[in-house]
Amino acid sequence: MYFGKVSRNYKFHNKSGLYFVSFATVYWIDVFTREKYLSILAQSIDYCRKEKSMEVYAYCFIPSHIHLVFRSGNDDPSGLIRDFKKYTAKKVIQAIENNPQESRKEWLLWMFEKAGKNNVTVTNRQFWQQHNKPIELWTDKVIQQKIDYIHTNPVGSGFVSDPVDWKYSSARNYQDDHTILEIDSDGFLLGLTKYVSS
């Protein structure tokens, strides 16, 4: 197995590589403030792990964006993220439309429509920003840096004082709490450097 060097122009060059990705909602809107919407993300990750050979080693869902450390077991990281974003966009928008408790419904849908009109590749509403900024991870040190960054993100944003207090984060998995979402074994990560091409 080969893991290439860090990609600096944000493309999935190494199809079997381990990647750090982040993607945000259009206009950085705080959409994920309700359990219903967050659970769609968790269920979608779970489905991708079981049915699409997605390996997830770290994650964090915060109101306007997502962080992941992942690998595609089918050597198609770009397609995997594309399908995940397309599916979750559809499901979250449907959940917003059908949620009578959503006080921001009209405004949210209007913002998604506005973003879609400003993007020639979108026919209707746009939910996610298009870029993912994938960075290939190729040493234990870099992997740990990204995982630490993911886990401390809610702390830096002022949501919690301890990473494990954020419900939708793999910081809990690293404390043997897998109630929200299963992740893949970090044992794979510990020996990663032996696969790196010199």
Protein backbone atom coordinates (compact mmCIF):
# COMPACT_ATOMS: atom_id res chain seq x y z
CA MET A 1 0.00 0.00 0.00
CA TYR A 2 1.40 3.40 -0.98
CA PHE A 3 0.66 6.74 0.64
CA GLY A 4 2.07 9.67 -1.30
CA LYS A 5 3.19 13.04 -0.06
CA VAL A 6 0.94 15.90 1.00
CA SER A 7 -1.17 17.28 -1.84
CA ARG A 8 -0.85 21.06 -1.89
CA ASN A 9 -3.26 21.81 -4.72
CA TYR A 10 -6.24 20.16 -3.06
CA LYS A 11 -6.90 17.15 -5.27
CA PHE A 12 -7.22 13.44 -4.56
CA HIS A 13 -4.07 12.43 -6.44
CA ASN A 14 -3.42 9.18 -4.57
CA LYS A 15 -6.62 7.14 -4.82
CA SER A 16 -5.65 4.83 -1.94
CA GLY A 17 -4.35 7.60 0.30
CA LEU A 18 -5.50 8.72 3.71
CA TYR A 19 -7.03 12.21 3.59
CA PHE A 20 -8.07 15.08 5.77
CA VAL A 21 -11.05 16.92 4.28
CA SER A 22 -13.27 19.77 5.37
CA PHE A 23 -16.41 20.99 3.71
CA ALA A 24 -18.84 23.68 4.74
CA THR A 25 -22.39 24.76 4.03
CA VAL A 26 -22.92 27.62 1.60
CA TYR A 27 -22.24 31.00 3.20
CA TRP A 28 -21.04 29.05 6.28
CA ILE A 29 -24.64 28.86 7.48
CA ASP A 30 -25.09 27.20 10.88
CA VAL A 31 -27.44 24.46 9.64
CA PHE A 32 -26.41 21.66 12.01
CA THR A 33 -27.97 23.03 15.17
CA ARG A 34 -30.68 20.39 15.43
CA GLU A 35 -30.34 16.72 16.29
CA LYS A 36 -32.41 15.74 13.25
CA TYR A 37 -29.90 17.25 10.82
CA LEU A 38 -26.83 15.98 12.65
CA SER A 39 -28.22 12.45 12.70
CA ILE A 40 -28.48 12.52 8.90
CA LEU A 41 -24.72 13.09 8.72
CA ALA A 42 -24.01 10.29 11.20
CA GLN A 43 -26.31 7.84 9.43
CA SER A 44 -24.77 8.73 6.07
CA ILE A 45 -21.23 8.14 7.35
CA ASP A 46 -22.37 4.84 8.83
CA TYR A 47 -23.88 3.80 5.50
CA CYS A 48 -20.72 4.76 3.59
CA ARG A 49 -18.60 2.72 5.99
CA LYS A 50 -20.79 -0.36 5.59
CA GLU A 51 -21.73 -0.14 1.92
CA LYS A 52 -19.13 2.02 0.15
CA SER A 53 -15.84 0.90 1.75
CA MET A 54 -15.30 4.22 3.49
CA GLU A 55 -12.75 4.07 6.31
CA VAL A 56 -13.23 6.84 8.89
CA TYR A 57 -10.52 7.49 11.48
CA ALA A 58 -11.66 10.86 12.83
CA TYR A 59 -14.62 13.17 12.37
CA CYS A 60 -16.35 16.20 13.79
CA PHE A 61 -19.66 17.78 12.83
CA ILE A 62 -20.08 21.39 13.86
CA PRO A 63 -22.89 23.83 12.92
CA SER A 64 -21.50 25.02 9.59
CA HIS A 65 -18.99 22.37 8.52
CA ILE A 66 -17.54 18.87 8.75
CA HIS A 67 -14.02 17.54 9.25
CA LEU A 68 -12.99 13.99 8.35
CA VAL A 69 -9.90 11.82 8.26
CA PHE A 70 -10.85 9.07 5.88
CA ARG A 71 -9.73 6.63 3.22
CA SER A 72 -11.63 5.06 0.32
CA GLY A 73 -11.31 1.27 0.30
CA ASN A 74 -12.49 1.36 -3.33
CA ASP A 75 -9.77 3.81 -4.37
CA ASP A 76 -12.33 6.50 -5.22
CA PRO A 77 -12.09 9.21 -2.55
CA SER A 78 -13.39 11.94 -4.84
CA GLY A 79 -16.47 9.95 -5.84
CA LEU A 80 -17.10 8.93 -2.26
CA ILE A 81 -17.13 12.51 -0.96
CA ARG A 82 -19.16 13.67 -3.98
CA ASP A 83 -21.86 11.07 -3.33
CA PHE A 84 -21.86 11.77 0.41
CA LYS A 85 -22.35 15.49 -0.14
CA LYS A 86 -25.04 14.99 -2.77
CA TYR A 87 -27.02 12.57 -0.59
CA THR A 88 -26.74 14.56 2.63
CA ALA A 89 -27.63 17.81 0.87
CA LYS A 90 -30.83 16.26 -0.45
CA LYS A 91 -31.76 14.67 2.88
CA VAL A 92 -31.03 17.72 5.06
CA ILE A 93 -32.95 20.06 2.75
CA GLN A 94 -35.90 17.64 2.84
CA ALA A 95 -35.67 17.53 6.64
CA ILE A 96 -35.73 21.33 6.80
CA GLU A 97 -38.72 21.50 4.46
CA ASN A 98 -40.65 18.94 6.52
CA ASN A 99 -39.74 20.28 9.96
CA PRO A 100 -42.62 22.34 11.42
CA GLN A 101 -40.34 23.43 14.28
CA GLU A 102 -37.76 24.96 11.93
CA SER A 103 -38.12 28.69 12.59
CA ARG A 104 -35.55 29.55 9.90
CA LYS A 105 -37.10 27.37 7.17
CA GLU A 106 -37.95 30.09 4.62
CA TRP A 107 -34.66 31.89 5.14
CA LEU A 108 -32.57 28.70 4.86
CA LEU A 109 -34.29 27.56 1.68
CA TRP A 110 -33.95 31.04 0.21
CA MET A 111 -30.21 31.05 0.95
CA PHE A 112 -29.74 27.63 -0.67
CA GLU A 113 -31.64 28.86 -3.74
CA LYS A 114 -29.54 32.03 -3.85
CA ALA A 115 -26.33 29.97 -3.76
CA GLY A 116 -27.68 27.72 -6.52
CA LYS A 117 -28.46 30.69 -8.77
CA ASN A 118 -24.91 31.95 -8.34
CA ASN A 119 -23.44 28.60 -9.44
CA VAL A 120 -23.77 27.59 -13.09
CA THR A 121 -23.22 23.91 -12.21
CA VAL A 122 -26.27 23.82 -9.90
CA THR A 123 -29.81 23.54 -11.27
CA ASN A 124 -31.73 24.34 -8.10
CA ARG A 125 -30.52 24.69 -4.52
CA GLN A 126 -26.91 24.45 -3.38
CA PHE A 127 -26.29 23.19 0.15
CA TRP A 128 -22.54 22.48 0.39
CA GLN A 129 -19.71 24.64 -0.83
CA GLN A 130 -18.04 22.86 -3.72
CA HIS A 131 -14.46 22.63 -2.49
CA ASN A 132 -13.28 19.99 0.00
CA LYS A 133 -9.58 20.91 0.24
CA PRO A 134 -8.28 17.34 0.60
CA ILE A 135 -4.86 17.03 2.20
CA GLU A 136 -3.15 13.66 1.98
CA LEU A 137 -1.72 12.47 5.29
CA TRP A 138 1.51 10.53 5.09
CA THR A 139 3.25 10.54 8.48
CA ASP A 140 2.14 9.67 12.00
CA LYS A 141 2.97 13.23 13.07
CA VAL A 142 0.78 14.86 10.43
CA ILE A 143 -2.05 12.40 11.08
CA GLN A 144 -1.96 13.17 14.79
CA GLN A 145 -1.89 16.91 14.11
CA LYS A 146 -5.03 16.69 11.98
CA ILE A 147 -6.85 14.44 14.45
CA ASP A 148 -5.97 16.83 17.29
CA TYR A 149 -7.18 19.75 15.16
CA ILE A 150 -10.49 17.98 14.47
CA HIS A 151 -11.07 17.09 18.10
CA THR A 152 -10.20 20.55 19.46
CA ASN A 153 -12.27 22.41 16.86
CA PRO A 154 -15.40 22.64 19.04
CA VAL A 155 -13.21 23.87 21.92
CA GLY A 156 -11.65 26.56 19.76
CA SER A 157 -15.11 27.61 18.62
CA GLY A 158 -16.20 28.03 22.23
CA PHE A 159 -18.87 25.31 22.17
CA VAL A 160 -17.29 23.13 24.86
CA SER A 161 -14.30 23.21 27.19
CA ASP A 162 -13.30 19.57 26.66
CA PRO A 163 -13.27 17.78 23.26
CA VAL A 164 -15.10 14.72 24.61
CA ASP A 165 -18.04 16.92 25.59
CA TRP A 166 -18.89 17.53 21.93
CA LYS A 167 -21.42 14.86 21.02
CA TYR A 168 -20.68 14.56 17.30
CA SER A 169 -16.92 14.04 17.44
CA SER A 170 -14.60 11.06 17.31
CA ALA A 171 -12.90 12.46 20.43
CA ARG A 172 -15.47 10.27 22.18
CA ASN A 173 -14.50 7.22 20.14
CA TYR A 174 -10.90 7.67 21.25
CA GLN A 175 -12.29 7.40 24.81
CA ASP A 176 -14.06 4.12 23.88
CA ASP A 177 -17.47 5.76 23.48
CA HIS A 178 -18.96 4.58 20.17
CA THR A 179 -22.60 5.45 20.84
CA ILE A 180 -22.94 8.06 18.08
CA LEU A 181 -20.84 6.63 15.28
CA GLU A 182 -18.41 3.77 14.84
CA ILE A 183 -15.01 4.61 13.40
CA ASP A 184 -12.26 2.40 12.06
CA SER A 185 -9.43 1.15 14.23
CA ASP A 186 -6.64 3.61 14.84
CA GLY A 187 -4.27 0.65 14.86
CA PHE A 188 -3.98 1.14 11.11
CA LEU A 189 -2.79 4.69 11.64
CA LEU A 190 -0.11 3.81 14.16
CA GLY A 191 1.87 1.82 11.63
CA LEU A 192 1.20 4.06 8.67
CA THR A 193 4.74 5.34 8.16
CA LYS A 194 6.06 1.92 7.23
CA TYR A 195 3.96 2.18 4.05
CA VAL A 196 5.29 5.58 3.04
CA SER A 197 7.47 5.64 -0.02
CA SER A 198 10.89 7.09 0.68
